[in-house]
N, C-alpha and C. Protein backbone atom coordinates (compact mmCIF):
# COMPACT_ATOMS: atom_id res chain seq x y z
N UNK A 1 4.62 0.94 -3.41
CA UNK A 1 5.53 1.08 -4.52
C UNK A 1 4.71 1.34 -5.80
N UNK A 2 5.15 2.32 -6.56
CA UNK A 2 4.52 2.63 -7.84
C UNK A 2 5.46 2.22 -8.96
N UNK A 3 4.91 1.55 -9.97
CA UNK A 3 5.72 1.00 -11.05
C UNK A 3 5.10 1.40 -12.39
N UNK A 4 5.97 1.75 -13.34
CA UNK A 4 5.54 2.08 -14.69
C UNK A 4 6.05 1.01 -15.64
N UNK A 5 5.14 0.41 -16.40
CA UNK A 5 5.48 -0.60 -17.38
C UNK A 5 5.28 0.01 -18.77
N UNK A 6 6.37 0.05 -19.56
CA UNK A 6 6.32 0.67 -20.87
C UNK A 6 6.70 -0.33 -21.95
N UNK A 7 5.75 -0.61 -22.83
CA UNK A 7 5.98 -1.51 -23.95
C UNK A 7 4.88 -1.23 -24.97
N UNK A 8 5.23 -1.28 -26.26
CA UNK A 8 4.22 -1.03 -27.29
C UNK A 8 3.28 -2.22 -27.45
N UNK A 9 3.65 -3.38 -26.93
CA UNK A 9 2.80 -4.56 -27.01
C UNK A 9 1.92 -4.64 -25.76
N UNK A 10 0.62 -4.57 -25.98
CA UNK A 10 -0.32 -4.67 -24.86
C UNK A 10 -0.16 -6.02 -24.15
N UNK A 11 0.07 -7.09 -24.94
CA UNK A 11 0.24 -8.42 -24.36
C UNK A 11 1.51 -8.48 -23.50
N UNK A 12 2.59 -7.87 -23.96
CA UNK A 12 3.83 -7.86 -23.17
C UNK A 12 3.62 -7.10 -21.86
N UNK A 13 2.90 -5.98 -21.92
CA UNK A 13 2.61 -5.23 -20.68
C UNK A 13 1.77 -6.08 -19.74
N UNK A 14 0.77 -6.74 -20.28
CA UNK A 14 -0.12 -7.57 -19.46
C UNK A 14 0.66 -8.70 -18.77
N UNK A 15 1.57 -9.35 -19.51
CA UNK A 15 2.36 -10.44 -18.94
C UNK A 15 3.30 -9.93 -17.85
N UNK A 16 3.93 -8.80 -18.09
CA UNK A 16 4.85 -8.24 -17.10
C UNK A 16 4.09 -7.83 -15.84
N UNK A 17 2.93 -7.22 -16.02
CA UNK A 17 2.12 -6.81 -14.87
C UNK A 17 1.66 -8.01 -14.06
N UNK A 18 1.28 -9.10 -14.74
CA UNK A 18 0.89 -10.32 -14.04
C UNK A 18 2.06 -10.84 -13.21
N UNK A 19 3.25 -10.84 -13.78
CA UNK A 19 4.44 -11.29 -13.06
C UNK A 19 4.70 -10.39 -11.85
N UNK A 20 4.57 -9.08 -12.03
CA UNK A 20 4.74 -8.16 -10.91
C UNK A 20 3.73 -8.44 -9.80
N UNK A 21 2.47 -8.59 -10.19
CA UNK A 21 1.42 -8.85 -9.19
C UNK A 21 1.69 -10.15 -8.43
N UNK A 22 2.26 -11.13 -9.10
CA UNK A 22 2.56 -12.41 -8.45
C UNK A 22 3.78 -12.33 -7.52
N UNK A 23 4.67 -11.37 -7.77
CA UNK A 23 5.93 -11.30 -7.02
C UNK A 23 5.96 -10.26 -5.91
N UNK A 24 5.15 -9.23 -6.02
CA UNK A 24 5.20 -8.15 -5.04
C UNK A 24 4.12 -8.35 -4.00
N UNK A 25 4.53 -8.40 -2.75
CA UNK A 25 3.56 -8.62 -1.66
C UNK A 25 3.08 -7.30 -1.07
N UNK A 26 3.89 -6.26 -1.18
CA UNK A 26 3.48 -4.97 -0.62
C UNK A 26 2.45 -4.29 -1.54
N UNK A 27 1.77 -3.31 -1.00
CA UNK A 27 0.81 -2.56 -1.79
C UNK A 27 1.54 -1.84 -2.92
N UNK A 28 0.97 -1.89 -4.11
CA UNK A 28 1.62 -1.25 -5.25
C UNK A 28 0.58 -0.77 -6.26
N UNK A 29 0.99 0.18 -7.05
CA UNK A 29 0.17 0.67 -8.15
C UNK A 29 1.00 0.59 -9.41
N UNK A 30 0.37 0.14 -10.48
CA UNK A 30 1.08 -0.02 -11.74
C UNK A 30 0.46 0.90 -12.79
N UNK A 31 1.32 1.67 -13.45
CA UNK A 31 0.92 2.54 -14.55
C UNK A 31 1.46 1.92 -15.84
N UNK A 32 0.84 2.30 -16.96
CA UNK A 32 1.25 1.76 -18.24
C UNK A 32 1.50 2.87 -19.25
N UNK A 33 2.43 2.60 -20.17
CA UNK A 33 2.68 3.48 -21.31
C UNK A 33 2.99 2.60 -22.51
N UNK A 34 2.61 3.06 -23.71
CA UNK A 34 2.79 2.24 -24.90
C UNK A 34 3.94 2.71 -25.79
N UNK A 35 4.63 3.77 -25.37
CA UNK A 35 5.82 4.23 -26.10
C UNK A 35 6.64 5.12 -25.17
N UNK A 36 7.83 5.48 -25.63
CA UNK A 36 8.73 6.26 -24.79
C UNK A 36 8.20 7.63 -24.43
N UNK A 37 7.51 8.26 -25.36
CA UNK A 37 6.97 9.59 -25.09
C UNK A 37 5.93 9.53 -23.96
N UNK A 38 5.04 8.53 -24.03
CA UNK A 38 4.06 8.35 -22.95
C UNK A 38 4.76 8.04 -21.63
N UNK A 39 5.81 7.24 -21.70
CA UNK A 39 6.58 6.88 -20.50
C UNK A 39 7.09 8.13 -19.80
N UNK A 40 7.69 9.02 -20.56
CA UNK A 40 8.24 10.25 -19.99
C UNK A 40 7.13 11.09 -19.36
N UNK A 41 6.00 11.20 -20.05
CA UNK A 41 4.88 11.99 -19.54
C UNK A 41 4.29 11.38 -18.26
N UNK A 42 4.12 10.06 -18.25
CA UNK A 42 3.59 9.39 -17.05
C UNK A 42 4.59 9.56 -15.90
N UNK A 43 5.88 9.44 -16.21
CA UNK A 43 6.88 9.62 -15.16
C UNK A 43 6.78 11.02 -14.55
N UNK A 44 6.67 12.03 -15.38
CA UNK A 44 6.57 13.41 -14.87
C UNK A 44 5.35 13.57 -13.97
N UNK A 45 4.25 12.93 -14.34
CA UNK A 45 2.99 13.08 -13.60
C UNK A 45 2.94 12.21 -12.34
N UNK A 46 3.35 10.97 -12.44
CA UNK A 46 3.15 10.00 -11.35
C UNK A 46 4.39 9.72 -10.50
N UNK A 47 5.59 10.01 -11.02
CA UNK A 47 6.86 9.77 -10.31
C UNK A 47 6.95 8.34 -9.75
N UNK A 48 6.83 7.33 -10.61
CA UNK A 48 6.92 5.94 -10.11
C UNK A 48 8.30 5.64 -9.52
N UNK A 49 8.34 4.66 -8.65
CA UNK A 49 9.58 4.24 -8.00
C UNK A 49 10.47 3.42 -8.93
N UNK A 50 9.86 2.78 -9.91
CA UNK A 50 10.57 1.86 -10.78
C UNK A 50 9.90 1.86 -12.15
N UNK A 51 10.74 1.78 -13.21
CA UNK A 51 10.22 1.74 -14.58
C UNK A 51 10.78 0.51 -15.28
N UNK A 52 9.89 -0.26 -15.91
CA UNK A 52 10.29 -1.32 -16.82
C UNK A 52 10.09 -0.77 -18.21
N UNK A 53 11.14 -0.81 -19.04
CA UNK A 53 11.14 -0.10 -20.31
C UNK A 53 11.61 -0.99 -21.46
N UNK A 54 10.77 -1.10 -22.48
CA UNK A 54 11.14 -1.79 -23.71
C UNK A 54 12.01 -0.86 -24.54
N UNK A 55 12.78 -1.40 -25.47
CA UNK A 55 13.63 -0.56 -26.31
C UNK A 55 13.01 -0.21 -27.65
N UNK A 56 12.40 -1.19 -28.32
CA UNK A 56 11.89 -0.98 -29.67
C UNK A 56 10.40 -0.65 -29.61
N UNK A 57 10.11 0.65 -29.80
CA UNK A 57 8.73 1.13 -29.74
C UNK A 57 8.57 2.28 -30.74
N UNK A 58 7.33 2.53 -31.17
CA UNK A 58 7.09 3.67 -32.05
C UNK A 58 7.11 4.99 -31.27
N UNK A 59 7.05 6.08 -31.97
CA UNK A 59 7.00 7.44 -31.45
C UNK A 59 8.33 7.84 -30.81
N UNK A 60 8.68 7.18 -29.70
CA UNK A 60 9.99 7.39 -29.07
C UNK A 60 10.45 6.04 -28.53
N UNK A 61 11.65 5.61 -28.93
CA UNK A 61 12.12 4.31 -28.47
C UNK A 61 12.64 4.39 -27.03
N UNK A 62 12.98 3.23 -26.49
CA UNK A 62 13.44 3.16 -25.11
C UNK A 62 14.78 3.82 -24.87
N UNK A 63 15.64 3.84 -25.89
CA UNK A 63 16.95 4.50 -25.75
C UNK A 63 16.75 5.99 -25.47
N UNK A 64 15.91 6.62 -26.28
CA UNK A 64 15.66 8.06 -26.13
C UNK A 64 14.89 8.34 -24.83
N UNK A 65 13.92 7.49 -24.52
CA UNK A 65 13.14 7.67 -23.28
C UNK A 65 14.06 7.60 -22.06
N UNK A 66 14.98 6.64 -22.06
CA UNK A 66 15.91 6.50 -20.94
C UNK A 66 16.72 7.78 -20.75
N UNK A 67 17.22 8.34 -21.84
CA UNK A 67 17.99 9.58 -21.75
C UNK A 67 17.14 10.71 -21.17
N UNK A 68 15.91 10.84 -21.63
CA UNK A 68 15.03 11.91 -21.15
C UNK A 68 14.68 11.71 -19.67
N UNK A 69 14.43 10.46 -19.28
CA UNK A 69 14.14 10.17 -17.87
C UNK A 69 15.32 10.53 -16.98
N UNK A 70 16.53 10.22 -17.43
CA UNK A 70 17.73 10.54 -16.64
C UNK A 70 17.97 12.05 -16.57
N UNK A 71 17.55 12.79 -17.59
CA UNK A 71 17.65 14.25 -17.54
C UNK A 71 16.69 14.82 -16.49
N UNK A 72 15.51 14.22 -16.40
CA UNK A 72 14.51 14.66 -15.43
C UNK A 72 14.96 14.32 -14.01
N UNK A 73 15.44 13.08 -13.84
CA UNK A 73 15.87 12.60 -12.53
C UNK A 73 17.04 11.63 -12.71
N UNK A 74 18.24 12.07 -12.42
CA UNK A 74 19.41 11.19 -12.59
C UNK A 74 19.34 9.91 -11.76
N UNK A 75 18.49 9.89 -10.74
CA UNK A 75 18.38 8.72 -9.87
C UNK A 75 17.22 7.79 -10.23
N UNK A 76 16.55 8.06 -11.34
CA UNK A 76 15.41 7.23 -11.75
C UNK A 76 15.88 5.78 -11.91
N UNK A 77 15.04 4.85 -11.48
CA UNK A 77 15.38 3.43 -11.55
C UNK A 77 14.65 2.81 -12.76
N UNK A 78 15.45 2.43 -13.76
CA UNK A 78 14.91 1.86 -15.00
C UNK A 78 15.52 0.49 -15.23
N UNK A 79 14.64 -0.48 -15.47
CA UNK A 79 15.05 -1.83 -15.87
C UNK A 79 14.60 -2.00 -17.32
N UNK A 80 15.54 -2.30 -18.20
CA UNK A 80 15.22 -2.54 -19.60
C UNK A 80 14.75 -3.98 -19.74
N UNK A 81 13.61 -4.16 -20.39
CA UNK A 81 13.07 -5.49 -20.69
C UNK A 81 12.86 -5.52 -22.19
N UNK A 82 13.72 -6.29 -22.88
CA UNK A 82 13.70 -6.24 -24.34
C UNK A 82 14.12 -7.57 -24.94
N UNK A 83 13.64 -7.80 -26.15
CA UNK A 83 14.09 -8.96 -26.92
C UNK A 83 15.40 -8.63 -27.64
N UNK A 84 15.74 -7.35 -27.72
CA UNK A 84 16.98 -6.90 -28.37
C UNK A 84 18.14 -7.11 -27.40
N UNK A 85 18.85 -8.23 -27.57
CA UNK A 85 19.91 -8.56 -26.63
C UNK A 85 21.30 -8.39 -27.25
N UNK A 86 21.40 -7.57 -28.26
CA UNK A 86 22.70 -7.31 -28.87
C UNK A 86 23.61 -6.64 -27.83
N UNK A 87 24.87 -7.01 -27.84
CA UNK A 87 25.82 -6.46 -26.86
C UNK A 87 25.86 -4.94 -26.94
N UNK A 88 25.78 -4.39 -28.15
CA UNK A 88 25.81 -2.94 -28.31
C UNK A 88 24.65 -2.27 -27.59
N UNK A 89 23.46 -2.87 -27.70
CA UNK A 89 22.29 -2.31 -27.02
C UNK A 89 22.43 -2.41 -25.51
N UNK A 90 22.90 -3.55 -25.05
CA UNK A 90 23.11 -3.75 -23.61
C UNK A 90 24.11 -2.73 -23.07
N UNK A 91 25.24 -2.61 -23.72
CA UNK A 91 26.26 -1.66 -23.27
C UNK A 91 25.74 -0.23 -23.27
N UNK A 92 24.99 0.10 -24.31
CA UNK A 92 24.48 1.47 -24.45
C UNK A 92 23.53 1.84 -23.31
N UNK A 93 22.56 0.97 -23.01
CA UNK A 93 21.59 1.32 -21.97
C UNK A 93 22.22 1.33 -20.58
N UNK A 94 23.16 0.44 -20.34
CA UNK A 94 23.83 0.45 -19.04
C UNK A 94 24.68 1.72 -18.90
N UNK A 95 25.34 2.12 -19.98
CA UNK A 95 26.13 3.36 -19.96
C UNK A 95 25.21 4.58 -19.75
N UNK A 96 24.00 4.49 -20.32
CA UNK A 96 23.05 5.60 -20.20
C UNK A 96 22.29 5.62 -18.88
N UNK A 97 22.54 4.62 -18.01
CA UNK A 97 21.99 4.68 -16.66
C UNK A 97 20.92 3.68 -16.28
N UNK A 98 20.62 2.72 -17.16
CA UNK A 98 19.66 1.68 -16.76
C UNK A 98 20.27 0.85 -15.63
N UNK A 99 19.44 0.40 -14.71
CA UNK A 99 19.92 -0.42 -13.59
C UNK A 99 20.23 -1.85 -14.02
N UNK A 100 19.47 -2.35 -15.00
CA UNK A 100 19.67 -3.73 -15.45
C UNK A 100 19.00 -3.90 -16.80
N UNK A 101 19.29 -5.04 -17.43
CA UNK A 101 18.77 -5.40 -18.73
C UNK A 101 18.29 -6.84 -18.64
N UNK A 102 17.01 -7.08 -18.91
CA UNK A 102 16.44 -8.41 -18.80
C UNK A 102 15.84 -8.79 -20.14
N UNK A 103 16.15 -10.00 -20.60
CA UNK A 103 15.62 -10.48 -21.87
C UNK A 103 14.15 -10.88 -21.71
N UNK A 104 13.34 -10.47 -22.69
CA UNK A 104 11.94 -10.90 -22.74
C UNK A 104 11.89 -12.38 -23.09
N UNK A 105 10.90 -13.09 -22.61
CA UNK A 105 9.88 -12.65 -21.65
C UNK A 105 10.43 -12.72 -20.23
N UNK A 106 9.89 -11.87 -19.38
CA UNK A 106 10.31 -11.87 -17.98
C UNK A 106 9.35 -12.77 -17.21
N UNK A 107 9.90 -13.62 -16.37
CA UNK A 107 9.08 -14.54 -15.58
C UNK A 107 9.30 -14.27 -14.09
N UNK A 108 8.63 -15.06 -13.25
CA UNK A 108 8.72 -14.85 -11.80
C UNK A 108 10.15 -14.95 -11.29
N UNK A 109 10.89 -15.93 -11.79
CA UNK A 109 12.27 -16.12 -11.32
C UNK A 109 13.13 -14.91 -11.65
N UNK A 110 13.03 -14.41 -12.88
CA UNK A 110 13.80 -13.22 -13.27
C UNK A 110 13.36 -12.01 -12.44
N UNK A 111 12.06 -11.90 -12.20
CA UNK A 111 11.54 -10.75 -11.44
C UNK A 111 12.05 -10.81 -10.00
N UNK A 112 12.05 -11.97 -9.41
CA UNK A 112 12.55 -12.10 -8.04
C UNK A 112 14.02 -11.73 -7.95
N UNK A 113 14.80 -12.13 -8.96
CA UNK A 113 16.22 -11.78 -8.99
C UNK A 113 16.39 -10.26 -9.04
N UNK A 114 15.58 -9.60 -9.87
CA UNK A 114 15.65 -8.14 -9.98
C UNK A 114 15.35 -7.50 -8.63
N UNK A 115 14.28 -7.91 -8.00
CA UNK A 115 13.89 -7.30 -6.73
C UNK A 115 14.90 -7.60 -5.62
N UNK A 116 15.48 -8.79 -5.63
CA UNK A 116 16.51 -9.11 -4.63
C UNK A 116 17.80 -8.36 -4.91
N UNK A 117 18.17 -8.25 -6.17
CA UNK A 117 19.42 -7.59 -6.54
C UNK A 117 19.41 -6.11 -6.17
N UNK A 118 18.29 -5.46 -6.36
CA UNK A 118 18.23 -4.02 -6.15
C UNK A 118 17.45 -3.61 -4.90
N UNK A 119 16.88 -4.60 -4.22
CA UNK A 119 16.13 -4.32 -2.98
C UNK A 119 15.02 -3.29 -3.20
N UNK A 120 14.28 -3.48 -4.29
CA UNK A 120 13.15 -2.58 -4.55
C UNK A 120 12.05 -2.88 -3.57
């Protein structure tokens, strides 16, 4: 399984990757991006199976990145991981095609729920 972790915070990416490494038993490769524009470019190049995407980032935010990813591949699997838990943001990303929305920080329990819920 190939996974793309997108967040402008290097520490947030590091924590999410640690959680992924602790939860996934199968062989996997993790790619990183620090903004939405990088996310889209890495997706085009690497075609990861799953994307974890922050919403508030410079250059291109997660809302715009999600739209571009869905234009490239309507079946792309994106999980939003954000501190922005406003109902409007949640409704917007789910309407735009995100599979789920998880409040930061993400821990092992939340990660296991995601993987069980979607059978990644």
